[in-house]
C-alpha atoms as a PDB file:
ATOM      1  CA  UNK A   1      -9.164 -27.962  27.395  1.00  0.00           C
ATOM      2  CA  UNK A   2     -10.035 -31.216  25.692  1.00  0.00           C
ATOM      3  CA  UNK A   3      -7.257 -33.632  24.740  1.00  0.00           C
ATOM      4  CA  UNK A   4      -7.009 -36.117  21.905  1.00  0.00           C
ATOM      5  CA  UNK A   5      -7.748 -38.865  24.447  1.00  0.00           C
ATOM      6  CA  UNK A   6     -11.004 -37.100  25.355  1.00  0.00           C
ATOM      7  CA  UNK A   7     -11.985 -37.027  21.691  1.00  0.00           C
ATOM      8  CA  UNK A   8     -11.199 -40.734  21.328  1.00  0.00           C
ATOM      9  CA  UNK A   9     -13.333 -41.576  24.377  1.00  0.00           C
ATOM     10  CA  UNK A  10     -16.235 -39.406  23.178  1.00  0.00           C
ATOM     11  CA  UNK A  11     -16.140 -40.976  19.703  1.00  0.00           C
ATOM     12  CA  UNK A  12     -15.573 -44.518  20.969  1.00  0.00           C
ATOM     13  CA  UNK A  13     -12.444 -45.033  18.891  1.00  0.00           C
ATOM     14  CA  UNK A  14      -8.714 -45.282  19.514  1.00  0.00           C
ATOM     15  CA  UNK A  15      -6.349 -42.295  19.770  1.00  0.00           C
ATOM     16  CA  UNK A  16      -4.655 -43.553  16.602  1.00  0.00           C
ATOM     17  CA  UNK A  17      -7.961 -43.371  14.742  1.00  0.00           C
ATOM     18  CA  UNK A  18      -8.513 -39.787  15.905  1.00  0.00           C
ATOM     19  CA  UNK A  19      -5.027 -38.925  14.717  1.00  0.00           C
ATOM     20  CA  UNK A  20      -5.687 -40.471  11.301  1.00  0.00           C
ATOM     21  CA  UNK A  21      -8.952 -38.555  10.928  1.00  0.00           C
ATOM     22  CA  UNK A  22      -7.327 -35.239  11.883  1.00  0.00           C
ATOM     23  CA  UNK A  23      -4.520 -35.847   9.402  1.00  0.00           C
ATOM     24  CA  UNK A  24      -6.923 -36.850   6.578  1.00  0.00           C
ATOM     25  CA  UNK A  25      -5.599 -40.389   6.361  1.00  0.00           C
ATOM     26  CA  UNK A  26      -7.569 -42.432   3.801  1.00  0.00           C
ATOM     27  CA  UNK A  27      -7.650 -45.667   5.839  1.00  0.00           C
ATOM     28  CA  UNK A  28     -10.512 -44.556   8.113  1.00  0.00           C
ATOM     29  CA  UNK A  29     -14.123 -45.636   7.722  1.00  0.00           C
ATOM     30  CA  UNK A  30     -16.737 -42.984   7.075  1.00  0.00           C
ATOM     31  CA  UNK A  31     -18.532 -43.967  10.283  1.00  0.00           C
ATOM     32  CA  UNK A  32     -15.395 -43.459  12.390  1.00  0.00           C
ATOM     33  CA  UNK A  33     -14.609 -40.202  10.609  1.00  0.00           C
ATOM     34  CA  UNK A  34     -18.112 -38.880  11.279  1.00  0.00           C
ATOM     35  CA  UNK A  35     -17.979 -39.813  14.984  1.00  0.00           C
ATOM     36  CA  UNK A  36     -14.527 -38.277  15.454  1.00  0.00           C
ATOM     37  CA  UNK A  37     -15.477 -35.006  13.768  1.00  0.00           C
ATOM     38  CA  UNK A  38     -18.657 -34.825  15.832  1.00  0.00           C
ATOM     39  CA  UNK A  39     -16.632 -35.366  19.021  1.00  0.00           C
ATOM     40  CA  UNK A  40     -14.168 -32.671  17.988  1.00  0.00           C
ATOM     41  CA  UNK A  41     -17.045 -30.225  17.550  1.00  0.00           C
ATOM     42  CA  UNK A  42     -18.773 -31.208  20.787  1.00  0.00           C
ATOM     43  CA  UNK A  43     -15.616 -30.914  22.907  1.00  0.00           C
ATOM     44  CA  UNK A  44     -14.162 -27.886  21.099  1.00  0.00           C
ATOM     45  CA  UNK A  45     -10.923 -29.786  20.568  1.00  0.00           C
ATOM     46  CA  UNK A  46      -8.044 -27.919  18.889  1.00  0.00           C
ATOM     47  CA  UNK A  47      -5.073 -29.943  17.634  1.00  0.00           C
ATOM     48  CA  UNK A  48      -1.680 -29.093  19.095  1.00  0.00           C
ATOM     49  CA  UNK A  49       0.144 -27.215  16.329  1.00  0.00           C
ATOM     50  CA  UNK A  50       3.544 -27.820  17.906  1.00  0.00           C
ATOM     51  CA  UNK A  51       2.981 -31.568  18.123  1.00  0.00           C
ATOM     52  CA  UNK A  52       1.759 -31.596  14.542  1.00  0.00           C
ATOM     53  CA  UNK A  53       4.874 -29.711  13.427  1.00  0.00           C
ATOM     54  CA  UNK A  54       7.053 -32.397  14.975  1.00  0.00           C
ATOM     55  CA  UNK A  55       5.323 -34.940  12.730  1.00  0.00           C
ATOM     56  CA  UNK A  56       5.251 -32.897   9.536  1.00  0.00           C
ATOM     57  CA  UNK A  57       8.457 -30.894  10.108  1.00  0.00           C
ATOM     58  CA  UNK A  58       6.522 -27.777   9.128  1.00  0.00           C
ATOM     59  CA  UNK A  59       4.660 -25.211  11.238  1.00  0.00           C
ATOM     60  CA  UNK A  60       3.243 -22.983   8.480  1.00  0.00           C
ATOM     61  CA  UNK A  61       4.761 -20.104  10.424  1.00  0.00           C
ATOM     62  CA  UNK A  62       7.153 -17.393   9.253  1.00  0.00           C
ATOM     63  CA  UNK A  63       9.372 -15.155  11.357  1.00  0.00           C
ATOM     64  CA  UNK A  64       9.763 -11.448  10.602  1.00  0.00           C
ATOM     65  CA  UNK A  65      12.547  -9.498  12.304  1.00  0.00           C
ATOM     66  CA  UNK A  66      12.241  -5.793  11.556  1.00  0.00           C
ATOM     67  CA  UNK A  67      14.593  -2.991  12.470  1.00  0.00           C
ATOM     68  CA  UNK A  68      12.180  -0.681  14.309  1.00  0.00           C
ATOM     69  CA  UNK A  69       8.473  -1.342  14.848  1.00  0.00           C
ATOM     70  CA  UNK A  70       7.931   2.338  15.776  1.00  0.00           C
ATOM     71  CA  UNK A  71       9.044   3.422  12.314  1.00  0.00           C
ATOM     72  CA  UNK A  72       5.859   3.801  10.211  1.00  0.00           C
ATOM     73  CA  UNK A  73       7.674   2.376   7.192  1.00  0.00           C
ATOM     74  CA  UNK A  74       8.346  -0.919   8.992  1.00  0.00           C
ATOM     75  CA  UNK A  75       4.858  -0.958  10.486  1.00  0.00           C
ATOM     76  CA  UNK A  76       3.395  -0.843   6.975  1.00  0.00           C
ATOM     77  CA  UNK A  77       5.907  -3.439   5.802  1.00  0.00           C
ATOM     78  CA  UNK A  78       4.920  -5.807   8.628  1.00  0.00           C
ATOM     79  CA  UNK A  79       1.248  -5.418   7.801  1.00  0.00           C
ATOM     80  CA  UNK A  80       1.755  -6.324   4.144  1.00  0.00           C
ATOM     81  CA  UNK A  81       3.901  -9.309   5.159  1.00  0.00           C
ATOM     82  CA  UNK A  82       1.194 -10.597   7.497  1.00  0.00           C
ATOM     83  CA  UNK A  83      -1.547 -10.145   4.895  1.00  0.00           C
ATOM     84  CA  UNK A  84       0.357 -11.941   2.136  1.00  0.00           C
ATOM     85  CA  UNK A  85       1.452 -14.746   4.454  1.00  0.00           C
ATOM     86  CA  UNK A  86      -2.134 -15.314   5.598  1.00  0.00           C
ATOM     87  CA  UNK A  87      -3.286 -15.456   1.978  1.00  0.00           C
ATOM     88  CA  UNK A  88      -0.717 -18.188   1.351  1.00  0.00           C
ATOM     89  CA  UNK A  89      -1.690 -20.185   4.439  1.00  0.00           C
ATOM     90  CA  UNK A  90       1.061 -19.041   6.814  1.00  0.00           C
ATOM     91  CA  UNK A  91       1.099 -17.195  10.131  1.00  0.00           C
ATOM     92  CA  UNK A  92       3.738 -14.603  11.098  1.00  0.00           C
ATOM     93  CA  UNK A  93       5.588 -13.998  14.365  1.00  0.00           C
ATOM     94  CA  UNK A  94       7.210 -10.539  14.529  1.00  0.00           C
ATOM     95  CA  UNK A  95      10.344  -9.530  16.423  1.00  0.00           C
ATOM     96  CA  UNK A  96      11.428  -5.897  16.821  1.00  0.00           C
ATOM     97  CA  UNK A  97      15.227  -5.484  16.761  1.00  0.00           C
ATOM     98  CA  UNK A  98      15.024  -1.773  17.675  1.00  0.00           C
ATOM     99  CA  UNK A  99      18.115  -1.208  15.467  1.00  0.00           C
ATOM    100  CA  UNK A 100      20.166  -3.403  17.869  1.00  0.00           C
ATOM    101  CA  UNK A 101      22.150  -6.383  16.525  1.00  0.00           C
ATOM    102  CA  UNK A 102      22.045  -8.156  19.906  1.00  0.00           C
ATOM    103  CA  UNK A 103      18.263  -7.900  20.040  1.00  0.00           C
ATOM    104  CA  UNK A 104      18.081  -9.070  16.435  1.00  0.00           C
ATOM    105  CA  UNK A 105      20.015 -12.223  17.382  1.00  0.00           C
ATOM    106  CA  UNK A 106      17.699 -12.775  20.342  1.00  0.00           C
ATOM    107  CA  UNK A 107      14.679 -12.756  18.056  1.00  0.00           C
ATOM    108  CA  UNK A 108      16.360 -14.990  15.468  1.00  0.00           C
ATOM    109  CA  UNK A 109      17.221 -17.584  18.140  1.00  0.00           C
ATOM    110  CA  UNK A 110      13.741 -17.448  19.644  1.00  0.00           C
ATOM    111  CA  UNK A 111      12.034 -17.836  16.280  1.00  0.00           C
ATOM    112  CA  UNK A 112      14.234 -20.746  15.263  1.00  0.00           C
ATOM    113  CA  UNK A 113      13.516 -22.428  18.619  1.00  0.00           C
ATOM    114  CA  UNK A 114       9.812 -22.131  17.757  1.00  0.00           C
ATOM    115  CA  UNK A 115      10.469 -24.101  14.573  1.00  0.00           C
ATOM    116  CA  UNK A 116       9.391 -21.397  12.135  1.00  0.00           C
ATOM    117  CA  UNK A 117       9.597 -22.463   8.494  1.00  0.00           C
ATOM    118  CA  UNK A 118      11.538 -19.420   7.327  1.00  0.00           C
ATOM    119  CA  UNK A 119      12.797 -15.950   8.229  1.00  0.00           C
ATOM    120  CA  UNK A 120      12.307 -12.485   6.781  1.00  0.00           C
ATOM    121  CA  UNK A 121      14.947 -10.095   8.107  1.00  0.00           C
ATOM    122  CA  UNK A 122      15.718  -6.416   7.657  1.00  0.00           C
ATOM    123  CA  UNK A 123      19.275  -6.511   9.051  1.00  0.00           C
ATOM    124  CA  UNK A 124      20.124  -4.073  11.824  1.00  0.00           C
ATOM    125  CA  UNK A 125      23.484  -2.306  11.645  1.00  0.00           C
ATOM    126  CA  UNK A 126      24.962  -4.492   8.935  1.00  0.00           C
ATOM    127  CA  UNK A 127      23.896  -7.790  10.451  1.00  0.00           C
ATOM    128  CA  UNK A 128      24.550  -9.809  13.609  1.00  0.00           C
ATOM    129  CA  UNK A 129      26.438 -13.066  14.330  1.00  0.00           C
ATOM    130  CA  UNK A 130      23.385 -15.237  15.044  1.00  0.00           C
ATOM    131  CA  UNK A 131      21.507 -14.034  11.994  1.00  0.00           C
ATOM    132  CA  UNK A 132      24.537 -14.591   9.768  1.00  0.00           C
ATOM    133  CA  UNK A 133      25.065 -18.075  11.225  1.00  0.00           C
ATOM    134  CA  UNK A 134      21.418 -18.942  10.503  1.00  0.00           C
ATOM    135  CA  UNK A 135      21.761 -17.754   6.905  1.00  0.00           C
ATOM    136  CA  UNK A 136      24.972 -19.701   6.339  1.00  0.00           C
ATOM    137  CA  UNK A 137      23.425 -22.818   7.893  1.00  0.00           C
ATOM    138  CA  UNK A 138      20.819 -22.852   5.140  1.00  0.00           C
ATOM    139  CA  UNK A 139      17.831 -21.541   7.080  1.00  0.00           C
ATOM    140  CA  UNK A 140      15.200 -20.427   4.544  1.00  0.00           C
ATOM    141  CA  UNK A 141      15.668 -16.658   4.670  1.00  0.00           C
ATOM    142  CA  UNK A 142      14.973 -13.523   2.665  1.00  0.00           C
ATOM    143  CA  UNK A 143      16.391 -10.055   3.307  1.00  0.00           C
ATOM    144  CA  UNK A 144      13.816  -7.292   2.923  1.00  0.00           C
ATOM    145  CA  UNK A 145      14.605  -3.571   2.536  1.00  0.00           C
ATOM    146  CA  UNK A 146      18.197  -3.979   3.741  1.00  0.00           C
ATOM    147  CA  UNK A 147      20.675  -6.662   2.826  1.00  0.00           C
ATOM    148  CA  UNK A 148      24.218  -7.854   3.553  1.00  0.00           C
ATOM    149  CA  UNK A 149      26.613  -7.968   0.599  1.00  0.00           C
ATOM    150  CA  UNK A 150      28.318 -11.324   0.197  1.00  0.00           C
ATOM    151  CA  UNK A 151      25.629 -13.335   2.033  1.00  0.00           C
ATOM    152  CA  UNK A 152      23.808 -15.743  -0.295  1.00  0.00           C
ATOM    153  CA  UNK A 153      20.247 -14.797   0.627  1.00  0.00           C
ATOM    154  CA  UNK A 154      17.554 -13.473  -1.756  1.00  0.00           C
ATOM    155  CA  UNK A 155      16.953  -9.742  -1.371  1.00  0.00           C
ATOM    156  CA  UNK A 156      13.686  -7.840  -1.852  1.00  0.00           C
ATOM    157  CA  UNK A 157      14.287  -4.114  -1.815  1.00  0.00           C
ATOM    158  CA  UNK A 158      13.581  -0.763  -3.430  1.00  0.00           C
ATOM    159  CA  UNK A 159      16.157   1.078  -5.519  1.00  0.00           C
ATOM    160  CA  UNK A 160      16.013   4.725  -4.474  1.00  0.00           C
ATOM    161  CA  UNK A 161      18.893   6.054  -6.566  1.00  0.00           C
ATOM    162  CA  UNK A 162      16.770   7.367  -9.432  1.00  0.00           C
ATOM    163  CA  UNK A 163      14.287   8.966  -7.039  1.00  0.00           C
ATOM    164  CA  UNK A 164      17.103  10.666  -5.082  1.00  0.00           C
ATOM    165  CA  UNK A 165      18.519  11.929  -8.385  1.00  0.00           C
ATOM    166  CA  UNK A 166      15.057  13.273  -9.238  1.00  0.00           C
ATOM    167  CA  UNK A 167      14.859  14.950  -5.836  1.00  0.00           C
ATOM    168  CA  UNK A 168      18.188  16.762  -6.262  1.00  0.00           C
ATOM    169  CA  UNK A 169      17.213  17.850  -9.781  1.00  0.00           C
ATOM    170  CA  UNK A 170      13.898  19.105  -8.384  1.00  0.00           C
ATOM    171  CA  UNK A 171      15.656  21.082  -5.639  1.00  0.00           C
ATOM    172  CA  UNK A 172      18.167  22.483  -8.096  1.00  0.00           C
ATOM    173  CA  UNK A 173      15.292  23.548 -10.362  1.00  0.00           C
ATOM    174  CA  UNK A 174      13.740  25.422  -7.440  1.00  0.00           C
ATOM    175  CA  UNK A 175      16.963  27.411  -7.069  1.00  0.00           C
ATOM    176  CA  UNK A 176      18.441  25.622  -4.045  1.00  0.00           C
ATOM    177  CA  UNK A 177      22.219  25.229  -4.012  1.00  0.00           C
ATOM    178  CA  UNK A 178      23.167  24.422  -0.404  1.00  0.00           C
ATOM    179  CA  UNK A 179      21.785  20.934   0.249  1.00  0.00           C
ATOM    180  CA  UNK A 180      22.550  18.886   3.357  1.00  0.00           C
ATOM    181  CA  UNK A 181      21.738  15.270   4.223  1.00  0.00           C
ATOM    182  CA  UNK A 182      21.013  13.475   7.483  1.00  0.00           C
ATOM    183  CA  UNK A 183      22.452  10.057   6.717  1.00  0.00           C
ATOM    184  CA  UNK A 184      21.454   6.700   8.165  1.00  0.00           C
ATOM    185  CA  UNK A 185      23.991   4.306   9.730  1.00  0.00           C
ATOM    186  CA  UNK A 186      26.871   3.684   7.340  1.00  0.00           C
ATOM    187  CA  UNK A 187      26.894  -0.009   8.334  1.00  0.00           C
ATOM    188  CA  UNK A 188      23.447  -0.508   6.770  1.00  0.00           C
ATOM    189  CA  UNK A 189      23.085  -0.845   3.023  1.00  0.00           C
ATOM    190  CA  UNK A 190      20.209   1.648   2.968  1.00  0.00           C
ATOM    191  CA  UNK A 191      22.230   4.173   4.962  1.00  0.00           C
ATOM    192  CA  UNK A 192      25.287   4.015   2.715  1.00  0.00           C
ATOM    193  CA  UNK A 193      23.321   3.747  -0.554  1.00  0.00           C
ATOM    194  CA  UNK A 194      21.241   6.871   0.054  1.00  0.00           C
ATOM    195  CA  UNK A 195      24.274   8.994   0.877  1.00  0.00           C
ATOM    196  CA  UNK A 196      26.085   7.720  -2.220  1.00  0.00           C
ATOM    197  CA  UNK A 197      23.068   8.465  -4.411  1.00  0.00           C
ATOM    198  CA  UNK A 198      22.768  11.960  -2.943  1.00  0.00           C
ATOM    199  CA  UNK A 199      26.464  12.664  -3.444  1.00  0.00           C
ATOM    200  CA  UNK A 200      26.371  11.462  -7.049  1.00  0.00           C
ATOM    201  CA  UNK A 201      23.285  13.550  -7.823  1.00  0.00           C
ATOM    202  CA  UNK A 202      24.879  16.652  -6.317  1.00  0.00           C
ATOM    203  CA  UNK A 203      27.965  16.125  -8.473  1.00  0.00           C
ATOM    204  CA  UNK A 204      25.804  15.803 -11.609  1.00  0.00           C
ATOM    205  CA  UNK A 205      24.547  19.338 -10.989  1.00  0.00           C
ATOM    206  CA  UNK A 206      27.959  20.715 -10.016  1.00  0.00           C
ATOM    207  CA  UNK A 207      26.824  21.276  -6.442  1.00  0.00           C
ATOM    208  CA  UNK A 208      29.373  20.989  -3.624  1.00  0.00           C
ATOM    209  CA  UNK A 209      28.680  18.686  -0.683  1.00  0.00           C
ATOM    210  CA  UNK A 210      31.015  19.747   2.136  1.00  0.00           C
ATOM    211  CA  UNK A 211      31.541  17.427   5.087  1.00  0.00           C
ATOM    212  CA  UNK A 212      29.667  19.888   7.291  1.00  0.00           C
ATOM    213  CA  UNK A 213      26.548  19.197   5.225  1.00  0.00           C
ATOM    214  CA  UNK A 214      26.659  15.443   5.870  1.00  0.00           C
ATOM    215  CA  UNK A 215      25.262  14.616   9.307  1.00  0.00           C
ATOM    216  CA  UNK A 216      25.414  11.125  10.764  1.00  0.00           C
ATOM    217  CA  UNK A 217      22.080   9.857  12.042  1.00  0.00           C
ATOM    218  CA  UNK A 218      20.772   6.458  13.118  1.00  0.00           C
ATOM    219  CA  UNK A 219      17.266   6.294  11.599  1.00  0.00           C
ATOM    220  CA  UNK A 220      15.823   7.627  14.878  1.00  0.00           C
ATOM    221  CA  UNK A 221      14.065  10.968  15.442  1.00  0.00           C
ATOM    222  CA  UNK A 222      16.506  12.195  18.080  1.00  0.00           C
ATOM    223  CA  UNK A 223      19.437  11.923  15.685  1.00  0.00           C
ATOM    224  CA  UNK A 224      17.518  13.956  13.100  1.00  0.00           C
ATOM    225  CA  UNK A 225      16.940  16.639  15.705  1.00  0.00           C
ATOM    226  CA  UNK A 226      20.588  16.672  16.805  1.00  0.00           C
ATOM    227  CA  UNK A 227      22.030  16.771  13.285  1.00  0.00           C
ATOM    228  CA  UNK A 228      19.648  19.530  12.172  1.00  0.00           C
ATOM    229  CA  UNK A 229      20.576  21.649  15.172  1.00  0.00           C
ATOM    230  CA  UNK A 230      24.186  21.315  14.067  1.00  0.00           C
ATOM    231  CA  UNK A 231      23.290  22.390  10.525  1.00  0.00           C
ATOM    232  CA  UNK A 232      21.433  25.442  11.847  1.00  0.00           C
ATOM    233  CA  UNK A 233      24.447  26.463  13.952  1.00  0.00           C
ATOM    234  CA  UNK A 234      26.766  26.603  10.927  1.00  0.00           C
ATOM    235  CA  UNK A 235      28.001  30.036   9.772  1.00  0.00           C
ATOM    236  CA  UNK A 236      26.247  29.285   6.475  1.00  0.00           C
ATOM    237  CA  UNK A 237      23.364  26.871   7.153  1.00  0.00           C
ATOM    238  CA  UNK A 238      22.017  24.737   4.304  1.00  0.00           C
ATOM    239  CA  UNK A 239      18.976  25.828   2.332  1.00  0.00           C
ATOM    240  CA  UNK A 240      17.594  22.283   2.325  1.00  0.00           C
ATOM    241  CA  UNK A 241      17.798  19.399   4.789  1.00  0.00           C
ATOM    242  CA  UNK A 242      17.225  15.957   3.248  1.00  0.00           C
ATOM    243  CA  UNK A 243      16.561  13.309   5.917  1.00  0.00           C
ATOM    244  CA  UNK A 244      17.345   9.761   4.800  1.00  0.00           C
ATOM    245  CA  UNK A 245      14.329   8.326   6.613  1.00  0.00           C
ATOM    246  CA  UNK A 246      10.989   9.504   7.963  1.00  0.00           C
ATOM    247  CA  UNK A 247      11.802   9.471  11.693  1.00  0.00           C
ATOM    248  CA  UNK A 248      14.913  11.589  11.157  1.00  0.00           C
ATOM    249  CA  UNK A 249      12.750  13.967   9.109  1.00  0.00           C
ATOM    250  CA  UNK A 250      10.399  14.258  12.079  1.00  0.00           C
ATOM    251  CA  UNK A 251      13.357  15.119  14.328  1.00  0.00           C
ATOM    252  CA  UNK A 252      14.586  17.668  11.789  1.00  0.00           C
ATOM    253  CA  UNK A 253      11.163  19.300  11.688  1.00  0.00           C
ATOM    254  CA  UNK A 254      11.127  19.528  15.493  1.00  0.00           C
ATOM    255  CA  UNK A 255      14.552  21.194  15.503  1.00  0.00           C
ATOM    256  CA  UNK A 256      13.533  23.710  12.842  1.00  0.00           C
ATOM    257  CA  UNK A 257      10.355  24.669  14.650  1.00  0.00           C
ATOM    258  CA  UNK A 258      12.145  24.875  18.007  1.00  0.00           C
ATOM    259  CA  UNK A 259      14.255  27.683  16.516  1.00  0.00           C
ATOM    260  CA  UNK A 260      11.149  29.548  15.429  1.00  0.00           C
ATOM    261  CA  UNK A 261      11.978  28.902  11.780  1.00  0.00           C
ATOM    262  CA  UNK A 262       9.489  28.161   9.027  1.00  0.00           C
ATOM    263  CA  UNK A 263       9.445  25.444   6.372  1.00  0.00           C
ATOM    264  CA  UNK A 264      10.120  26.222   3.551  1.00  0.00           C
ATOM    265  CA  UNK A 265      10.514  29.996   3.954  1.00  0.00           C
ATOM    266  CA  UNK A 266      13.587  29.750   6.204  1.00  0.00           C
ATOM    267  CA  UNK A 267      14.789  26.241   5.392  1.00  0.00           C
ATOM    268  CA  UNK A 268      13.411  23.500   3.163  1.00  0.00           C
ATOM    269  CA  UNK A 269      12.894  19.877   4.241  1.00  0.00           C
ATOM    270  CA  UNK A 270      12.644  16.639   2.252  1.00  0.00           C
ATOM    271  CA  UNK A 271      12.628  13.007   3.351  1.00  0.00           C
ATOM    272  CA  UNK A 272      13.258   9.455   2.211  1.00  0.00           C
ATOM    273  CA  UNK A 273      10.362   7.063   3.038  1.00  0.00           C
ATOM    274  CA  UNK A 274       7.045   8.719   2.421  1.00  0.00           C
ATOM    275  CA  UNK A 275       4.435   8.002   5.101  1.00  0.00           C
ATOM    276  CA  UNK A 276       0.747   8.943   5.399  1.00  0.00           C
ATOM    277  CA  UNK A 277       1.163  11.760   7.914  1.00  0.00           C
ATOM    278  CA  UNK A 278       3.507  13.712   5.620  1.00  0.00           C
ATOM    279  CA  UNK A 279       0.437  15.023   3.778  1.00  0.00           C
ATOM    280  CA  UNK A 280      -0.945  16.413   7.045  1.00  0.00           C
ATOM    281  CA  UNK A 281       2.018  18.568   8.051  1.00  0.00           C
ATOM    282  CA  UNK A 282       2.046  22.282   7.222  1.00  0.00           C
ATOM    283  CA  UNK A 283       3.380  22.373   4.595  1.00  0.00           C
ATOM    284  CA  UNK A 284       3.089  18.773   3.327  1.00  0.00           C
ATOM    285  CA  UNK A 285       6.532  17.169   3.009  1.00  0.00           C
ATOM    286  CA  UNK A 286       8.189  16.327  -0.299  1.00  0.00           C
ATOM    287  CA  UNK A 287       9.467  12.760  -0.046  1.00  0.00           C
ATOM    288  CA  UNK A 288      10.856   9.705  -1.771  1.00  0.00           C
ATOM    289  CA  UNK A 289       8.227   6.957  -1.582  1.00  0.00           C
ATOM    290  CA  UNK A 290       9.016   3.260  -1.544  1.00  0.00           C
ATOM    291  CA  UNK A 291       6.456   0.654  -2.710  1.00  0.00           C
ATOM    292  CA  UNK A 292       6.303  -0.684   0.842  1.00  0.00           C
ATOM    293  CA  UNK A 293       3.269  -2.914   0.501  1.00  0.00           C
ATOM    294  CA  UNK A 294       4.565  -4.613  -2.613  1.00  0.00           C
ATOM    295  CA  UNK A 295       7.987  -5.099  -0.977  1.00  0.00           C
ATOM    296  CA  UNK A 296       6.364  -6.993   1.890  1.00  0.00           C
ATOM    297  CA  UNK A 297       4.244  -9.116  -0.402  1.00  0.00           C
ATOM    298  CA  UNK A 298       7.146  -9.914  -2.732  1.00  0.00           C
ATOM    299  CA  UNK A 299       9.345 -10.864   0.223  1.00  0.00           C
ATOM    300  CA  UNK A 300       6.766 -13.355   1.503  1.00  0.00           C
ATOM    301  CA  UNK A 301       6.364 -14.898  -1.938  1.00  0.00           C
ATOM    302  CA  UNK A 302      10.141 -15.291  -2.280  1.00  0.00           C
ATOM    303  CA  UNK A 303      10.402 -16.926   1.150  1.00  0.00           C
ATOM    304  CA  UNK A 304       7.505 -19.304   0.528  1.00  0.00           C
ATOM    305  CA  UNK A 305       9.098 -20.289  -2.783  1.00  0.00           C
ATOM    306  CA  UNK A 306      12.273 -21.143  -0.869  1.00  0.00           C
ATOM    307  CA  UNK A 307      10.369 -23.113   1.792  1.00  0.00           C
ATOM    308  CA  UNK A 308       8.299 -25.056  -0.723  1.00  0.00           C
ATOM    309  CA  UNK A 309      11.231 -26.013  -2.924  1.00  0.00           C
ATOM    310  CA  UNK A 310      10.892 -23.482  -5.720  1.00  0.00           C
ATOM    311  CA  UNK A 311      13.853 -21.270  -6.676  1.00  0.00           C
ATOM    312  CA  UNK A 312      13.407 -17.896  -4.921  1.00  0.00           C
ATOM    313  CA  UNK A 313      14.064 -14.692  -6.830  1.00  0.00           C
ATOM    314  CA  UNK A 314      15.558 -11.441  -5.606  1.00  0.00           C
ATOM    315  CA  UNK A 315      13.309  -8.485  -6.412  1.00  0.00           C
ATOM    316  CA  UNK A 316      14.211  -4.812  -6.894  1.00  0.00           C
ATOM    317  CA  UNK A 317      11.400  -2.286  -7.177  1.00  0.00           C
ATOM    318  CA  UNK A 318      11.645   1.421  -7.964  1.00  0.00           C
ATOM    319  CA  UNK A 319      11.101   4.237  -5.475  1.00  0.00           C
ATOM    320  CA  UNK A 320       9.594   7.497  -6.711  1.00  0.00           C
ATOM    321  CA  UNK A 321       9.652  11.188  -5.856  1.00  0.00           C
ATOM    322  CA  UNK A 322       6.432  12.673  -4.467  1.00  0.00           C
ATOM    323  CA  UNK A 323       6.485  16.471  -4.786  1.00  0.00           C
ATOM    324  CA  UNK A 324       4.568  18.495  -2.203  1.00  0.00           C
ATOM    325  CA  UNK A 325       5.359  21.941  -0.754  1.00  0.00           C
ATOM    326  CA  UNK A 326       8.094  21.651   1.882  1.00  0.00           C
ATOM    327  CA  UNK A 327      10.871  22.763  -0.466  1.00  0.00           C
ATOM    328  CA  UNK A 328       9.343  25.981  -1.792  1.00  0.00           C
ATOM    329  CA  UNK A 329       7.184  24.415  -4.477  1.00  0.00           C
ATOM    330  CA  UNK A 330       4.299  26.566  -5.681  1.00  0.00           C
ATOM    331  CA  UNK A 331       0.954  25.774  -4.104  1.00  0.00           C
ATOM    332  CA  UNK A 332      -1.106  23.476  -6.348  1.00  0.00           C
ATOM    333  CA  UNK A 333      -4.029  24.936  -8.194  1.00  0.00           C
ATOM    334  CA  UNK A 334      -7.473  23.451  -7.442  1.00  0.00           C
ATOM    335  CA  UNK A 335      -7.829  19.868  -8.686  1.00  0.00           C
ATOM    336  CA  UNK A 336      -4.158  19.658  -9.716  1.00  0.00           C
ATOM    337  CA  UNK A 337      -2.540  16.290  -8.861  1.00  0.00           C
ATOM    338  CA  UNK A 338       0.535  15.724  -6.737  1.00  0.00           C
ATOM    339  CA  UNK A 339       3.566  15.316  -8.995  1.00  0.00           C
ATOM    340  CA  UNK A 340       5.364  11.983  -9.058  1.00  0.00           C
ATOM    341  CA  UNK A 341       8.686  12.577 -10.750  1.00  0.00           C
ATOM    342  CA  UNK A 342       9.795   8.929 -10.973  1.00  0.00           C
ATOM    343  CA  UNK A 343       7.989   5.982 -12.412  1.00  0.00           C
ATOM    344  CA  UNK A 344       6.726   3.585  -9.765  1.00  0.00           C
END
């Protein structure tokens, strides 16, 4: 691989002149500039981005630490982050915390060591010491999807309360009265918020929510399977299982089918976090959809504002209910659209 010294020798100029040309310094003659650029092309020279960052104190690189790369929601989020960052002239390095605070801290430390310009984080399990230290030290940071109350970091998230209220009203309108929820980790803001919204919506319709109908999951498929098995073993099983994320919904569906039961004839199923394959299940799954792509794009814009000295803004977008047929809804007539009960 060619070095800057090789370029200088090929062009017949000093290393300092090559450096000035590569950094667009005005005090270089057109003849020298032409020879240096020709040498760069001939030798295939690529400037060292790390060395350049030491001079400019900027790498044009963002770090993204997501909770679970296997979760389709976070996969879509990461894609929108990468696309928006590229459009704004930044690259992205992704770390997968796998819902583990210790692994989250590992990625935060590694990214900071690589001199990234800023961090996007979806906090695992309520946060982690290293991530919190980085935020309090003034590292440019934005929380996306999840957040940590009391930490002064801009937050880009979706508000699912109205959509959950719409879901419960929809289920009530279909005649369902025994509704259960597979909750996410209570230490995460999304886990606690979705349970609270569900509880409030149940109360609005005068529906009881016994403790036996609240199952503790961890946003992983296996927990959805385990909790649903417990629901099915109750003397009076619920009529509907609402999974607070898509992977837990997948586990719930596995548990239901393993018992030889049918959705929605024997038990209904709904989910938070709509994903593309929900339309391909039989029946298609009714779900709360978040504006995932826009969340990722808005988070990047907020972080770049922070990096480039503009005041960043927290952003809250609305989730919406997408009605399909997993809760006993009538089959759509030909050419009839899917119903979206909440405004996007």
